[in-house]
Protein backbone atom coordinates (compact mmCIF):
# COMPACT_ATOMS: atom_id res chain seq x y z
CA MET A 1 -13.46 35.38 -21.12
CA PRO A 2 -14.61 33.73 -17.95
CA PRO A 3 -12.48 33.79 -14.78
CA LEU A 4 -9.91 31.04 -14.50
CA TYR A 5 -11.83 29.74 -11.48
CA GLU A 6 -14.83 29.05 -13.73
CA MET A 7 -12.75 27.59 -16.44
CA ILE A 8 -11.29 24.92 -14.27
CA ALA A 9 -14.04 24.25 -11.93
CA GLU A 10 -15.42 21.04 -13.70
CA MET A 11 -12.12 19.73 -15.11
CA ALA A 12 -11.26 16.21 -14.22
CA LEU A 13 -7.86 17.26 -12.64
CA PHE A 14 -9.89 19.33 -10.01
CA ALA A 15 -12.45 16.72 -9.02
CA ASN A 16 -10.66 16.11 -5.73
CA PHE A 17 -10.11 19.87 -4.99
CA THR A 18 -11.98 21.92 -2.56
CA ASP A 19 -13.47 25.00 -3.58
CA LYS A 20 -10.61 26.86 -1.58
CA GLU A 21 -7.89 24.86 -3.44
CA LYS A 22 -9.70 25.51 -6.79
CA LYS A 23 -9.60 29.21 -6.08
CA GLU A 24 -6.01 29.26 -4.69
CA PHE A 25 -4.90 27.41 -8.09
CA ALA A 26 -6.82 29.94 -10.08
CA ALA A 27 -5.03 32.85 -8.32
CA LEU A 28 -1.87 31.66 -10.10
CA ASP A 29 -2.98 33.18 -13.42
CA HIS A 30 0.49 34.41 -14.27
CA ALA A 31 1.10 30.84 -15.51
CA VAL A 32 -1.67 31.30 -18.19
CA LEU A 33 -0.43 31.59 -21.73
CA GLY A 34 -2.37 32.23 -24.96
CA PHE A 35 -1.65 31.04 -28.30
CA ASN A 36 -2.99 31.50 -31.94
CA ASP A 37 -3.79 29.00 -34.68
CA GLY A 38 -0.71 27.01 -35.94
CA ASP A 39 1.43 28.21 -32.99
CA LEU A 40 3.89 25.54 -31.65
CA ILE A 41 3.42 24.92 -28.09
CA ILE A 42 5.78 22.01 -27.72
CA LYS A 43 8.31 20.92 -30.34
CA GLU A 44 9.47 17.55 -30.75
CA GLY A 45 12.94 17.19 -29.46
CA ASP A 46 12.93 20.22 -27.27
CA CYS A 47 14.31 19.87 -23.66
CA HIS A 48 11.81 22.02 -21.75
CA THR A 49 10.19 20.02 -18.99
CA SER A 50 6.89 22.07 -18.35
CA LEU A 51 3.73 20.30 -18.37
CA TYR A 52 0.44 21.93 -19.47
CA LEU A 53 -3.23 22.07 -18.67
CA LEU A 54 -5.52 23.01 -21.81
CA LEU A 55 -7.97 25.59 -20.73
CA LYS A 56 -9.65 26.72 -24.00
CA GLY A 57 -9.41 25.50 -27.44
CA SER A 58 -8.12 22.45 -29.14
CA LEU A 59 -4.61 21.13 -29.93
CA LEU A 60 -3.15 18.71 -32.25
CA VAL A 61 -0.48 16.36 -31.44
CA THR A 62 1.74 15.40 -34.22
CA LYS A 63 4.92 13.64 -34.81
CA GLN A 64 7.45 14.15 -37.67
CA GLY A 65 7.11 11.45 -40.25
CA TYR A 66 3.57 10.47 -39.22
CA ALA A 67 0.35 11.76 -40.79
CA PRO A 68 -2.36 12.32 -39.67
CA ALA A 69 -2.18 13.84 -36.27
CA LEU A 70 -1.76 11.42 -33.41
CA SER A 71 -4.51 12.95 -31.44
CA GLU A 72 -6.56 16.07 -30.80
CA LEU A 73 -6.69 17.54 -27.21
CA LYS A 74 -9.76 19.14 -25.74
CA PRO A 75 -10.13 21.40 -22.71
CA GLY A 76 -9.04 19.97 -19.54
CA ALA A 77 -6.33 17.69 -21.22
CA ILE A 78 -2.93 17.55 -19.55
CA PHE A 79 -0.02 17.25 -22.04
CA GLY A 80 3.79 17.42 -21.54
CA GLU A 81 3.82 15.13 -18.61
CA MET A 82 6.29 12.53 -19.85
CA SER A 83 9.17 15.12 -20.25
CA PHE A 84 8.05 16.71 -16.97
CA PHE A 85 8.70 13.40 -15.15
CA THR A 86 11.57 12.00 -17.06
CA LYS A 87 13.56 15.21 -17.98
CA LYS A 88 14.03 13.88 -21.46
CA PRO A 89 13.46 15.65 -24.72
CA ARG A 90 9.75 15.84 -26.09
CA HIS A 91 8.35 13.09 -28.18
CA SER A 92 6.02 14.99 -30.28
CA ASN A 93 4.70 18.54 -31.28
CA VAL A 94 1.68 20.04 -29.89
CA ILE A 95 0.12 22.67 -32.09
CA ALA A 96 -2.61 25.04 -31.33
CA CYS A 97 -6.08 24.91 -33.40
CA GLY A 98 -7.47 28.47 -33.26
CA LYS A 99 -7.20 30.42 -30.16
CA VAL A 100 -5.83 28.32 -27.28
CA MET A 101 -5.33 29.14 -23.50
CA VAL A 102 -3.29 26.78 -21.32
CA ILE A 103 -1.56 26.85 -17.93
CA ARG A 104 1.98 26.02 -17.83
CA MET A 105 3.01 24.14 -14.85
CA ASP A 106 6.94 23.92 -14.28
CA ASP A 107 9.19 23.77 -11.10
CA ASN A 108 8.66 27.47 -10.48
CA PHE A 109 4.75 26.86 -10.66
CA PHE A 110 5.21 24.04 -8.11
CA THR A 111 7.06 26.20 -5.54
CA GLU A 112 4.26 28.51 -5.52
CA VAL A 113 1.34 26.19 -4.86
CA SER A 114 0.73 24.69 -1.43
CA PRO A 115 1.84 21.10 -0.84
CA THR A 116 -1.65 19.98 -0.65
CA ILE A 117 -2.34 21.12 -4.25
CA LYS A 118 0.98 19.94 -5.44
CA ASP A 119 0.21 16.45 -4.16
CA LYS A 120 -3.09 16.37 -5.80
CA ILE A 121 -1.97 17.41 -9.03
CA LYS A 122 0.88 14.74 -9.11
CA THR A 123 -1.83 12.16 -7.78
CA TYR A 124 -3.85 13.05 -10.69
CA LEU A 125 -1.01 12.62 -13.05
CA ILE A 126 -0.05 9.28 -11.83
CA GLU A 127 -3.56 8.01 -12.25
CA LEU A 128 -3.63 9.37 -15.70
CA LEU A 129 -0.42 7.73 -16.74
CA ILE A 130 -1.60 4.50 -15.29
CA THR A 131 -4.72 4.70 -17.10
CA ARG A 132 -2.94 5.37 -20.38
CA LEU A 133 -0.28 2.32 -19.73
CA ASP A 134 -3.41 0.22 -19.22
CA SER A 135 -4.87 1.39 -22.54
CA MET A 136 -1.56 0.72 -24.23
CA ASN A 137 -1.19 -2.74 -22.87
CA GLU A 138 -4.79 -3.48 -24.04
CA SER A 139 -3.70 -2.28 -27.54
CA LEU A 140 -0.54 -4.42 -27.53
CA ILE A 141 -2.47 -7.62 -26.44
CA LYS A 142 -4.85 -6.97 -29.42
CA ILE A 143 -1.98 -6.47 -31.80
CA SER A 144 -0.12 -9.58 -30.57
CA ARG A 145 -3.29 -11.72 -31.01
CA TYR A 146 -3.71 -10.15 -34.61
CA ALA A 147 0.01 -10.99 -35.48
CA ARG A 148 -0.58 -14.62 -34.30
CA GLY A 149 -3.69 -14.93 -36.40
CA SER A 150 -6.09 -15.06 -33.44
CA ALA A 151 -9.48 -13.40 -33.56
CA ILE A 152 -9.75 -10.20 -31.56
CA PRO A 153 -12.53 -10.19 -29.12
């Protein structure tokens, strides 16, 4: 298995990190967790508020009563951020597909990183959420047009 530094070096989250900051982040390897195929990493309804970075493998996001899976996550994906920010119960399940490795980032994690790294992670998360909100708004516009009988461009 490659060192954690090599795994994170090219991930989008770290695009604005200096080499020194990436190495500092990688030194926090105690937050690395491994999972096997079918393991439940996040359970819908749970009140845990950690967020995660997928390092290796893939994950399925599911929701009770919906099939198929809502999405598949690949290395570099961040998940669990909604409960991290809102402190509300989880909205979906996240299940490991094969061998998976993640970094769990919780309140303890953020007390151990430098303020600069903490700010860069939070800035990235804000940008990620804004991008997702923009995408959702575009989808709602299309749905609204379709419901009114308008052609979708």
